[in-house]
Amino acid sequence: MTKRFLPLLGLALLPASLLLAQEGGERKGDDDQPSIFIHPTVEAMSLARAAAAKTARAVTTNLTYHNGKVETAPAVYLVFYGSQWSSDPSGEAAILQNFFSHVGGSAWANVDTQYTQTGGVHAGNQTGVLKGVWYDNAAAAPTHPTQSQLAAEATKAATHFASASNVNAQYVIATAHGNSASGFGTQYCAWHSSTGNISYTNLPYITDAGSSCGANFNSLGPNAGITIVEGHEFSETVTDPFPSSGWVDSSGAEIGDKCAWTSATSLQSLNGASFPVQPLWSNAISACALKY
C-alpha cells in the first residue's frame, strides 16, 4: 500500500540554529549527565521565528541518521513521581493515560515510521504503546529534581517494570503540580534524554506553566499543552531515543522541534479519541505533517 504524507504549507518554520539559541533542541546535560533535548516554550519559539523572519531564513533541512537506534515497537511506561501527585487539579494523570491509550497506531504517530535504523528497520507505530503506569508515591519527590535525580527515577522505574533490557522502552517521569525541575515554563516545557541504556522524558505538570506551555494555544483549551508537549516528546524519543544517535538535523533539531508551536497544531483524531497535537517533521516532503 502506498503511503502519502499530508504536507502543511505556509508554516513559519524555524532555523534550527535559532531554535537552539531559544532553548530548543540539544543542550548540555547537568551533573555530568548526557545531553537533553528541550521542548521550547511558546515565547521562545515566537522570538526565534521573529529572528528568522528578519533574515528571511526557513528550515528545509531534513533530519539525518546518526547510526543509532529507533524504537521499532515503542513501549511507554508512565511514572507519577512522588507523593505530591495526591494533588492533580488539572486531571493531568488521566489525560496522559488516555492519550497513550490512543496514540499508538494513529495516522499522526505514523509520521515516525519513515525513519529507520541500520538494516532498514522502521520506527514502529503499534497499538497499545502504554505498557505500564506507576504511582511512585511512597515518598515526596524533590521539590526541584535535578537531571541526576530524574535519571535515577527512570532507572528505578526500569527495575520496577523489569524492562531495563527493552530497547524500545521509554519512561515518562511526570512531576506533580508545583513540583518541577529548574527552568520549567521559562526555558522549556519538557525534555528527553537517556541514562545508560534507558530513555526517559522529564514531563513537568504542564498546566502550571499556563500559556507558555500551551494553555489555550490555537484556542484548543486550557489543557491543550499536556498532549501537545508529551506528543512532541513521545515522537522524538521514538526517532531519537538516545540523543543524538538517531534522527536529528544538521543543527541539532529533532522531529518535533522543527514544527513546535505552529499554527497547524490542532485537534486530531487518534483511534477514535481527539487530542491536541503538533505536526511532526517529514523528510519525505521536507515539511511538517499531521498524518502519514
Protein backbone atom coordinates (compact mmCIF):
# COMPACT_ATOMS: atom_id res chain seq x y z
CA MET A 1 0.00 0.00 0.00
CA THR A 2 1.36 3.41 -0.92
CA LYS A 3 1.63 5.84 1.97
CA ARG A 4 1.05 9.52 1.50
CA PHE A 5 2.13 12.45 3.64
CA LEU A 6 -0.24 15.35 4.01
CA PRO A 7 2.00 18.44 3.93
CA LEU A 8 1.26 21.56 5.89
CA LEU A 9 2.00 24.53 3.70
CA GLY A 10 2.76 28.07 4.73
CA LEU A 11 4.18 27.31 8.18
CA ALA A 12 6.64 29.82 9.59
CA LEU A 13 9.41 27.31 10.23
CA LEU A 14 12.39 27.94 12.41
CA PRO A 15 16.07 27.71 11.52
CA ALA A 16 17.49 25.08 13.84
CA SER A 17 20.40 27.33 14.81
CA LEU A 18 17.92 29.90 16.07
CA LEU A 19 15.90 27.20 17.75
CA LEU A 20 18.94 26.22 19.76
CA ALA A 21 19.53 29.84 20.72
CA GLN A 22 15.98 30.00 22.08
CA GLU A 23 16.33 26.94 24.32
CA GLY A 24 15.07 24.33 21.86
CA GLY A 25 16.94 21.30 20.59
CA GLU A 26 20.07 19.91 22.23
CA ARG A 27 21.53 21.31 25.44
CA LYS A 28 24.37 20.08 27.63
CA GLY A 29 23.17 17.91 30.48
CA ASP A 30 23.59 18.74 34.16
CA ASP A 31 25.53 16.77 36.78
CA ASP A 32 27.75 15.16 34.12
CA GLN A 33 24.64 13.60 32.60
CA PRO A 34 24.07 13.13 28.83
CA SER A 35 22.68 15.97 26.74
CA ILE A 36 18.99 16.81 26.98
CA PHE A 37 16.68 17.78 24.11
CA ILE A 38 14.44 20.63 25.16
CA HIS A 39 10.90 21.42 24.05
CA PRO A 40 10.94 25.26 23.97
CA THR A 41 8.22 27.45 25.42
CA VAL A 42 5.75 29.30 23.20
CA GLU A 43 7.57 32.59 23.85
CA ALA A 44 10.97 31.13 22.96
CA MET A 45 9.64 29.87 19.64
CA SER A 46 7.99 33.20 18.92
CA LEU A 47 11.26 35.06 19.48
CA ALA A 48 13.15 32.62 17.30
CA ARG A 49 10.63 32.87 14.48
CA ALA A 50 10.80 36.66 14.61
CA ALA A 51 14.57 36.45 14.26
CA ALA A 52 14.16 34.00 11.39
CA ALA A 53 11.78 36.36 9.59
CA LYS A 54 14.32 39.20 9.75
CA THR A 55 16.90 37.09 7.98
CA ALA A 56 14.36 35.56 5.57
CA ARG A 57 15.57 32.08 6.51
CA ALA A 58 13.48 28.91 6.87
CA VAL A 59 14.18 25.35 7.89
CA THR A 60 14.08 22.96 4.97
CA THR A 61 16.95 20.77 6.12
CA ASN A 62 15.87 17.18 6.62
CA LEU A 63 16.74 15.01 9.57
CA THR A 64 19.79 12.79 9.11
CA TYR A 65 20.60 9.43 10.66
CA HIS A 66 23.44 9.13 13.15
CA ASN A 67 23.76 5.31 13.24
CA GLY A 68 21.86 4.70 16.46
CA LYS A 69 18.55 3.11 17.35
CA VAL A 70 14.93 3.99 16.73
CA GLU A 71 12.09 2.44 18.71
CA THR A 72 10.76 -0.30 16.44
CA ALA A 73 7.97 -1.21 18.90
CA PRO A 74 7.52 1.79 21.25
CA ALA A 75 6.65 0.88 24.84
CA VAL A 76 5.67 3.70 27.21
CA TYR A 77 6.00 3.40 30.98
CA LEU A 78 4.29 6.29 32.72
CA VAL A 79 5.62 7.19 36.16
CA PHE A 80 3.93 9.65 38.51
CA TYR A 81 6.89 10.70 40.60
CA GLY A 82 6.35 11.46 44.29
CA SER A 83 3.58 11.72 46.86
CA GLN A 84 2.80 15.22 45.55
CA TRP A 85 0.53 13.50 42.98
CA SER A 86 -2.15 13.47 45.69
CA SER A 87 -2.93 16.86 44.14
CA ASP A 88 -3.83 16.85 40.43
CA PRO A 89 -6.01 19.93 39.85
CA SER A 90 -5.96 19.70 36.04
CA GLY A 91 -6.50 15.96 35.89
CA GLU A 92 -3.22 15.51 34.01
CA ALA A 93 -2.73 11.90 35.09
CA ALA A 94 -5.97 10.78 33.44
CA ILE A 95 -5.31 12.85 30.30
CA LEU A 96 -1.85 11.34 29.85
CA GLN A 97 -3.12 7.78 30.31
CA ASN A 98 -5.93 8.40 27.84
CA PHE A 99 -3.52 9.89 25.30
CA PHE A 100 -1.10 6.97 25.49
CA SER A 101 -4.01 4.53 25.24
CA HIS A 102 -4.91 6.02 21.84
CA VAL A 103 -1.75 7.35 20.19
CA GLY A 104 -0.31 4.00 19.07
CA GLY A 105 -1.40 3.06 15.57
CA SER A 106 -2.70 6.56 14.77
CA ALA A 107 -2.14 8.35 11.46
CA TRP A 108 -0.40 11.12 13.40
CA ALA A 109 2.17 8.82 15.03
CA ASN A 110 2.66 7.09 11.68
CA VAL A 111 4.83 10.04 10.61
CA ASP A 112 7.51 8.46 12.82
CA THR A 113 7.63 5.30 10.74
CA GLN A 114 9.52 6.79 7.79
CA TYR A 115 12.64 6.86 9.99
CA THR A 116 14.77 3.72 10.12
CA GLN A 117 17.79 2.24 11.88
CA THR A 118 20.67 0.21 10.49
CA GLY A 119 19.30 -2.62 8.39
CA GLY A 120 16.34 -0.57 7.19
CA VAL A 121 14.09 -1.42 10.15
CA HIS A 122 11.46 1.28 10.59
CA ALA A 123 10.37 3.03 13.75
CA GLY A 124 7.18 1.38 14.95
CA ASN A 125 3.62 2.58 15.36
CA GLN A 126 1.81 -0.30 17.01
CA THR A 127 -1.36 -0.02 19.06
CA GLY A 128 -1.17 -0.46 22.83
CA VAL A 129 2.01 1.52 23.45
CA LEU A 130 1.14 2.15 27.11
CA LYS A 131 2.70 -0.81 28.88
CA GLY A 132 2.61 0.31 32.49
CA VAL A 133 1.59 3.05 34.95
CA TRP A 134 3.23 3.50 38.35
CA TYR A 135 2.47 5.95 41.13
CA ASP A 136 5.81 6.06 42.94
CA ASN A 137 4.29 7.86 45.90
CA ALA A 138 5.83 6.27 48.99
CA ALA A 139 7.83 9.48 49.50
CA ALA A 140 7.84 13.02 48.17
CA ALA A 141 9.87 13.76 45.07
CA PRO A 142 12.43 16.57 45.37
CA THR A 143 10.74 19.95 45.00
CA HIS A 144 13.04 20.78 42.08
CA PRO A 145 14.58 17.49 40.94
CA THR A 146 17.93 17.62 39.19
CA GLN A 147 18.69 15.75 35.99
CA SER A 148 20.57 13.15 38.05
CA GLN A 149 17.53 12.62 40.27
CA LEU A 150 15.21 12.28 37.28
CA ALA A 151 17.63 9.82 35.67
CA ALA A 152 17.69 7.84 38.92
CA GLU A 153 13.90 7.73 38.93
CA ALA A 154 13.90 6.42 35.35
CA THR A 155 16.39 3.72 36.38
CA LYS A 156 14.20 2.85 39.36
CA ALA A 157 11.18 2.61 37.05
CA ALA A 158 13.02 0.27 34.69
CA THR A 159 13.67 -2.02 37.65
CA HIS A 160 10.07 -1.71 38.86
CA PHE A 161 8.71 -2.73 35.47
CA ALA A 162 11.50 -5.29 34.88
CA SER A 163 12.01 -3.71 31.48
CA ALA A 164 15.56 -2.34 31.64
CA SER A 165 16.73 -4.51 28.74
CA ASN A 166 13.89 -3.38 26.45
CA VAL A 167 15.48 -1.02 23.93
CA ASN A 168 12.01 0.11 22.85
CA ALA A 169 11.06 1.33 26.33
CA GLN A 170 10.62 5.00 27.14
CA TYR A 171 9.96 6.16 30.69
CA VAL A 172 7.86 9.29 31.15
CA ILE A 173 8.76 10.77 34.54
CA ALA A 174 5.84 13.07 35.34
CA THR A 175 6.34 15.50 38.21
CA ALA A 176 3.36 16.84 40.12
CA HIS A 177 1.61 20.20 40.45
CA GLY A 178 4.00 22.76 41.93
CA ASN A 179 6.95 20.35 41.69
CA SER A 180 9.28 20.62 38.69
CA ALA A 181 12.90 20.79 37.60
CA SER A 182 14.54 24.21 37.31
CA GLY A 183 13.75 26.17 34.14
CA PHE A 184 10.28 24.76 33.53
CA GLY A 185 7.94 27.30 31.94
CA THR A 186 10.70 29.82 31.28
CA GLN A 187 13.35 27.83 29.41
CA TYR A 188 11.44 24.70 28.43
CA CYS A 189 8.16 22.77 28.69
CA ALA A 190 9.70 19.27 28.81
CA TRP A 191 12.84 17.45 27.73
CA HIS A 192 14.06 13.97 26.97
CA SER A 193 17.41 12.27 27.46
CA SER A 194 18.90 8.91 28.40
CA THR A 195 20.86 7.33 31.20
CA GLY A 196 22.82 4.22 30.35
CA ASN A 197 20.51 2.17 28.12
CA ILE A 198 17.35 3.84 29.45
CA SER A 199 15.44 6.53 27.52
CA TYR A 200 13.29 8.89 29.54
CA THR A 201 11.33 12.15 29.50
CA ASN A 202 11.16 14.84 32.14
CA LEU A 203 7.48 15.86 31.97
CA PRO A 204 6.53 18.64 34.40
CA TYR A 205 2.94 19.46 35.35
CA ILE A 206 2.27 21.27 32.09
CA THR A 207 -0.69 23.44 33.12
CA ASP A 208 1.46 25.04 35.84
CA ALA A 209 3.20 26.97 33.04
CA GLY A 210 -0.06 28.34 31.60
CA SER A 211 0.13 29.75 28.09
CA SER A 212 3.93 29.39 27.98
CA CYS A 213 3.43 25.64 27.55
CA GLY A 214 0.24 25.53 25.57
CA ALA A 215 -2.75 26.55 27.65
CA ASN A 216 -5.39 27.72 25.13
CA PHE A 217 -2.82 27.51 22.31
CA ASN A 218 -4.69 27.95 19.00
CA SER A 219 -7.87 28.12 21.11
CA LEU A 220 -7.53 24.41 21.94
CA GLY A 221 -8.44 24.74 25.61
CA PRO A 222 -6.68 25.18 28.95
CA ASN A 223 -5.29 21.63 28.99
CA ALA A 224 -4.09 21.59 25.38
CA GLY A 225 -0.41 21.75 26.27
CA ILE A 226 -0.47 18.40 28.08
CA THR A 227 -0.74 16.31 24.92
CA ILE A 228 0.95 18.84 22.61
CA VAL A 229 4.09 18.70 24.74
CA GLU A 230 4.07 15.00 25.58
CA GLY A 231 3.23 14.07 21.98
CA HIS A 232 6.30 16.06 20.93
CA GLU A 233 8.49 14.17 23.42
CA PHE A 234 6.97 10.80 22.56
CA SER A 235 7.79 11.10 18.84
CA GLU A 236 11.25 12.50 19.50
CA THR A 237 12.02 9.54 21.75
CA VAL A 238 10.73 7.08 19.14
CA THR A 239 13.02 8.54 16.46
CA ASP A 240 15.98 9.53 18.67
CA PRO A 241 15.81 7.51 21.91
CA PHE A 242 19.48 8.03 22.80
CA PRO A 243 20.12 11.65 21.79
CA SER A 244 21.54 12.39 19.36
CA SER A 245 22.31 8.99 17.87
CA GLY A 246 19.04 8.72 15.96
CA TRP A 247 17.42 11.26 13.62
CA VAL A 248 18.50 14.89 14.09
CA ASP A 249 19.04 17.71 11.61
CA SER A 250 22.38 19.43 11.00
CA SER A 251 21.78 21.96 13.77
CA GLY A 252 20.51 19.56 16.41
CA ALA A 253 16.72 19.78 15.98
CA GLU A 254 14.58 16.64 16.17
CA ILE A 255 11.28 15.59 14.56
CA GLY A 256 9.21 17.68 16.99
CA ASP A 257 11.45 20.74 17.37
CA LYS A 258 11.16 21.72 13.73
CA CYS A 259 7.37 22.01 13.94
CA ALA A 260 6.78 23.14 17.54
CA TRP A 261 4.07 25.71 18.34
CA THR A 262 2.91 26.27 14.76
CA SER A 263 -0.49 27.35 13.53
CA ALA A 264 -1.11 23.78 12.32
CA THR A 265 -1.16 22.47 15.90
CA SER A 266 -4.70 21.20 16.17
CA LEU A 267 -7.20 18.66 17.48
CA GLN A 268 -6.56 15.31 15.79
CA SER A 269 -8.43 12.02 15.97
CA LEU A 270 -6.19 9.29 17.39
CA ASN A 271 -8.01 5.98 17.11
CA GLY A 272 -11.41 7.46 17.83
CA ALA A 273 -10.46 9.99 20.52
CA SER A 274 -9.39 13.58 19.83
CA PHE A 275 -6.32 15.25 21.30
CA PRO A 276 -4.41 18.48 20.60
CA VAL A 277 -1.10 17.62 18.90
CA GLN A 278 1.53 19.45 16.87
CA PRO A 279 2.69 18.42 13.39
CA LEU A 280 5.91 16.42 13.00
CA TRP A 281 8.75 16.82 10.52
CA SER A 282 8.51 14.65 7.41
CA ASN A 283 11.70 14.01 5.46
CA ALA A 284 9.55 12.73 2.61
CA ILE A 285 8.17 16.19 1.89
CA SER A 286 10.74 18.37 3.73
CA ALA A 287 7.93 19.97 5.70
CA CYS A 288 5.67 19.44 8.68
CA ALA A 289 2.85 16.88 8.52
CA LEU A 290 -0.02 15.76 10.74
CA LYS A 291 -0.65 12.44 9.01
CA TYR A 292 1.14 9.70 7.14
